[in-house]
C-alpha atoms as a PDB file:
ATOM      1  CA  MET A   1     -17.965 165.949-141.528  1.00  0.00           C
ATOM      2  CA  LYS A   2     -18.867 169.397-140.126  1.00  0.00           C
ATOM      3  CA  THR A   3     -16.642 170.788-137.399  1.00  0.00           C
ATOM      4  CA  SER A   4     -16.657 173.967-135.262  1.00  0.00           C
ATOM      5  CA  PHE A   5     -14.103 175.446-137.796  1.00  0.00           C
ATOM      6  CA  ASP A   6     -16.604 175.453-140.686  1.00  0.00           C
ATOM      7  CA  SER A   7     -18.375 178.671-140.194  1.00  0.00           C
ATOM      8  CA  TRP A   8     -15.076 180.263-138.980  1.00  0.00           C
ATOM      9  CA  LEU A   9     -13.127 179.270-142.120  1.00  0.00           C
ATOM     10  CA  SER A  10     -16.254 180.368-144.200  1.00  0.00           C
ATOM     11  CA  ALA A  11     -16.068 183.797-142.626  1.00  0.00           C
ATOM     12  CA  LEU A  12     -12.387 184.056-143.072  1.00  0.00           C
ATOM     13  CA  ALA A  13     -12.644 183.121-146.901  1.00  0.00           C
ATOM     14  CA  GLU A  14     -15.401 185.707-147.202  1.00  0.00           C
ATOM     15  CA  GLY A  15     -13.254 188.420-145.636  1.00  0.00           C
ATOM     16  CA  ARG A  16     -10.221 187.338-147.750  1.00  0.00           C
ATOM     17  CA  LYS A  17      -8.383 186.389-144.516  1.00  0.00           C
ATOM     18  CA  GLY A  18      -6.362 183.219-144.006  1.00  0.00           C
ATOM     19  CA  GLY A  19      -4.783 181.080-146.646  1.00  0.00           C
ATOM     20  CA  ASP A  20      -2.973 182.976-149.376  1.00  0.00           C
ATOM     21  CA  ALA A  21      -4.145 186.228-147.921  1.00  0.00           C
ATOM     22  CA  LEU A  22      -2.125 185.452-144.643  1.00  0.00           C
ATOM     23  CA  GLY A  23       1.174 186.345-146.650  1.00  0.00           C
ATOM     24  CA  ASP A  24       4.789 185.194-146.209  1.00  0.00           C
ATOM     25  CA  ASP A  25       5.225 186.569-142.675  1.00  0.00           C
ATOM     26  CA  VAL A  26       2.793 184.056-140.816  1.00  0.00           C
ATOM     27  CA  ILE A  27       5.874 182.210-139.504  1.00  0.00           C
ATOM     28  CA  PRO A  28       8.371 184.700-138.148  1.00  0.00           C
ATOM     29  CA  GLN A  29      11.839 184.345-139.164  1.00  0.00           C
ATOM     30  CA  GLY A  30      14.574 182.868-136.835  1.00  0.00           C
ATOM     31  CA  VAL A  31      18.137 184.210-136.488  1.00  0.00           C
ATOM     32  CA  ARG A  32      20.862 181.519-135.927  1.00  0.00           C
ATOM     33  CA  GLY A  33      21.956 181.429-132.375  1.00  0.00           C
ATOM     34  CA  LEU A  34      19.057 183.615-130.942  1.00  0.00           C
ATOM     35  CA  PRO A  35      15.859 182.475-129.349  1.00  0.00           C
ATOM     36  CA  TRP A  36      12.700 182.392-131.551  1.00  0.00           C
ATOM     37  CA  GLY A  37       8.963 182.731-130.671  1.00  0.00           C
ATOM     38  CA  MET A  38       5.434 182.932-132.126  1.00  0.00           C
ATOM     39  CA  VAL A  39       2.186 183.595-130.626  1.00  0.00           C
ATOM     40  CA  ILE A  40      -0.960 181.908-132.232  1.00  0.00           C
ATOM     41  CA  ALA A  41      -4.344 183.362-131.278  1.00  0.00           C
ATOM     42  CA  LEU A  42      -7.610 181.566-132.355  1.00  0.00           C
ATOM     43  CA  PRO A  43     -11.013 183.315-131.675  1.00  0.00           C
ATOM     44  CA  GLY A  44     -13.124 181.482-129.009  1.00  0.00           C
ATOM     45  CA  ASN A  45     -12.405 179.501-125.966  1.00  0.00           C
ATOM     46  CA  TRP A  46     -10.170 176.443-126.862  1.00  0.00           C
ATOM     47  CA  ALA A  47      -9.451 175.042-123.230  1.00  0.00           C
ATOM     48  CA  GLY A  48      -8.106 171.486-123.316  1.00  0.00           C
ATOM     49  CA  SER A  49      -6.952 171.972-126.956  1.00  0.00           C
ATOM     50  CA  THR A  50      -3.342 171.459-127.918  1.00  0.00           C
ATOM     51  CA  LEU A  51      -0.953 172.728-130.514  1.00  0.00           C
ATOM     52  CA  VAL A  52       2.260 170.820-131.584  1.00  0.00           C
ATOM     53  CA  ALA A  53       4.855 172.033-134.062  1.00  0.00           C
ATOM     54  CA  SER A  54       7.747 170.476-135.963  1.00  0.00           C
ATOM     55  CA  ILE A  55      10.478 171.598-138.291  1.00  0.00           C
ATOM     56  CA  SER A  56      12.097 169.175-140.542  1.00  0.00           C
ATOM     57  CA  VAL A  57      15.016 169.272-142.859  1.00  0.00           C
ATOM     58  CA  ALA A  58      12.719 167.883-145.670  1.00  0.00           C
ATOM     59  CA  VAL A  59       8.978 167.622-146.118  1.00  0.00           C
ATOM     60  CA  ASP A  60       8.955 163.900-145.930  1.00  0.00           C
ATOM     61  CA  ALA A  61      11.761 163.691-143.111  1.00  0.00           C
ATOM     62  CA  ALA A  62      11.020 161.052-140.542  1.00  0.00           C
ATOM     63  CA  THR A  63      12.506 162.949-137.735  1.00  0.00           C
ATOM     64  CA  PRO A  64      12.144 166.645-137.217  1.00  0.00           C
ATOM     65  CA  ILE A  65      15.417 168.651-136.553  1.00  0.00           C
ATOM     66  CA  ALA A  66      13.439 171.011-134.212  1.00  0.00           C
ATOM     67  CA  THR A  67      10.297 170.615-132.107  1.00  0.00           C
ATOM     68  CA  PRO A  68       9.321 174.220-130.796  1.00  0.00           C
ATOM     69  CA  SER A  69       8.004 174.083-127.013  1.00  0.00           C
ATOM     70  CA  VAL A  70       4.338 175.157-126.642  1.00  0.00           C
ATOM     71  CA  SER A  71       2.748 176.905-123.868  1.00  0.00           C
ATOM     72  CA  GLY A  72      -0.760 177.436-123.437  1.00  0.00           C
ATOM     73  CA  PRO A  73      -3.748 177.403-124.166  1.00  0.00           C
ATOM     74  CA  SER A  74      -4.496 180.652-122.292  1.00  0.00           C
ATOM     75  CA  TYR A  75      -8.053 182.205-122.942  1.00  0.00           C
ATOM     76  CA  ASP A  76      -8.897 185.878-122.875  1.00  0.00           C
ATOM     77  CA  SER A  77     -12.493 186.198-121.719  1.00  0.00           C
ATOM     78  CA  VAL A  78     -12.452 189.655-122.419  1.00  0.00           C
ATOM     79  CA  ASN A  79     -11.549 189.388-126.026  1.00  0.00           C
ATOM     80  CA  ASP A  80     -12.919 185.976-126.557  1.00  0.00           C
ATOM     81  CA  TYR A  81      -9.682 184.557-128.006  1.00  0.00           C
ATOM     82  CA  THR A  82      -7.188 181.587-127.022  1.00  0.00           C
ATOM     83  CA  THR A  83      -3.378 181.828-127.379  1.00  0.00           C
ATOM     84  CA  TRP A  84      -0.631 179.466-127.542  1.00  0.00           C
ATOM     85  CA  THR A  85       3.178 180.542-127.500  1.00  0.00           C
ATOM     86  CA  LEU A  86       5.734 178.483-129.547  1.00  0.00           C
ATOM     87  CA  ALA A  87       9.319 178.823-128.706  1.00  0.00           C
ATOM     88  CA  ILE A  88      12.815 177.645-129.691  1.00  0.00           C
ATOM     89  CA  ALA A  89      15.574 178.479-127.289  1.00  0.00           C
ATOM     90  CA  ASP A  90      18.396 177.525-129.399  1.00  0.00           C
ATOM     91  CA  THR A  91      18.296 178.168-133.151  1.00  0.00           C
ATOM     92  CA  THR A  92      21.878 176.742-133.643  1.00  0.00           C
ATOM     93  CA  VAL A  93      20.202 173.238-133.959  1.00  0.00           C
ATOM     94  CA  PHE A  94      19.543 173.973-137.601  1.00  0.00           C
ATOM     95  CA  PRO A  95      22.232 172.655-140.260  1.00  0.00           C
ATOM     96  CA  ALA A  96      24.957 175.066-141.099  1.00  0.00           C
ATOM     97  CA  ASP A  97      24.379 177.329-144.394  1.00  0.00           C
ATOM     98  CA  ALA A  98      26.523 175.074-146.675  1.00  0.00           C
ATOM     99  CA  VAL A  99      26.324 177.595-149.601  1.00  0.00           C
ATOM    100  CA  GLY A 100      27.039 180.699-147.701  1.00  0.00           C
ATOM    101  CA  GLU A 101      23.922 182.653-148.750  1.00  0.00           C
ATOM    102  CA  GLY A 102      23.100 183.451-145.073  1.00  0.00           C
ATOM    103  CA  VAL A 103      19.384 182.281-145.262  1.00  0.00           C
ATOM    104  CA  GLN A 104      17.991 178.799-144.971  1.00  0.00           C
ATOM    105  CA  SER A 105      14.417 177.555-145.255  1.00  0.00           C
ATOM    106  CA  PHE A 106      12.831 174.303-143.604  1.00  0.00           C
ATOM    107  CA  PRO A 107       9.365 172.885-143.828  1.00  0.00           C
ATOM    108  CA  MET A 108       7.402 173.683-140.791  1.00  0.00           C
ATOM    109  CA  MET A 109       4.060 172.166-139.573  1.00  0.00           C
ATOM    110  CA  ILE A 110       1.725 173.408-136.687  1.00  0.00           C
ATOM    111  CA  LYS A 111      -1.037 170.872-135.957  1.00  0.00           C
ATOM    112  CA  PHE A 112      -4.104 171.565-133.670  1.00  0.00           C
ATOM    113  CA  THR A 113      -6.136 169.171-131.769  1.00  0.00           C
ATOM    114  CA  PRO A 114      -9.382 170.596-130.403  1.00  0.00           C
ATOM    115  CA  ALA A 115     -10.470 169.140-126.972  1.00  0.00           C
ATOM    116  CA  GLY A 116     -11.975 165.866-127.576  1.00  0.00           C
ATOM    117  CA  GLY A 117     -11.353 166.060-131.385  1.00  0.00           C
ATOM    118  CA  THR A 118      -9.041 165.023-134.152  1.00  0.00           C
ATOM    119  CA  GLN A 119      -5.540 166.495-134.903  1.00  0.00           C
ATOM    120  CA  MET A 120      -5.479 168.635-137.878  1.00  0.00           C
ATOM    121  CA  ALA A 121      -2.999 170.791-139.862  1.00  0.00           C
ATOM    122  CA  LEU A 122      -3.456 174.457-138.686  1.00  0.00           C
ATOM    123  CA  ILE A 123      -0.424 176.237-140.281  1.00  0.00           C
ATOM    124  CA  GLY A 124       2.397 174.991-142.548  1.00  0.00           C
ATOM    125  CA  GLY A 125       5.049 176.813-144.443  1.00  0.00           C
ATOM    126  CA  ALA A 126       8.661 177.578-144.500  1.00  0.00           C
ATOM    127  CA  PHE A 127      10.683 178.429-141.367  1.00  0.00           C
ATOM    128  CA  THR A 128      13.457 180.729-142.356  1.00  0.00           C
ATOM    129  CA  VAL A 129      16.749 181.033-140.349  1.00  0.00           C
ATOM    130  CA  LEU A 130      18.895 183.986-141.171  1.00  0.00           C
ATOM    131  CA  ALA A 131      22.641 184.045-140.430  1.00  0.00           C
ATOM    132  CA  LYS A 132      23.654 185.984-137.417  1.00  0.00           C
ATOM    133  CA  ALA A 133      25.056 189.424-138.814  1.00  0.00           C
END
């Protein structure tokens, strides 16, 4: 099935952008006890589209331990891109660091639903929580 993403994803692959080329810093680290945020920008006007995010204690966990709030979409017609802002007000919701390493990682998934379309995975990876120094 062809989607409006096909040509965009092909252009990213040809330019060695996206996927592995994004690197490990796609999902910003959180610091225990401090608010966390992330801005996602997609080229084009994605009015009416939605993002949802969840962070779990394990990949197949039935219930997420955190569900970031999502604001947007906000379209910038001058630069032709749409942004959403994800936020977690309180990072103390994550389980305590039981081994005292000062860092924990949890699976995170961000899903995108284009207006009138079907939900799909947009970004998946590790959400890292650092101990407050």
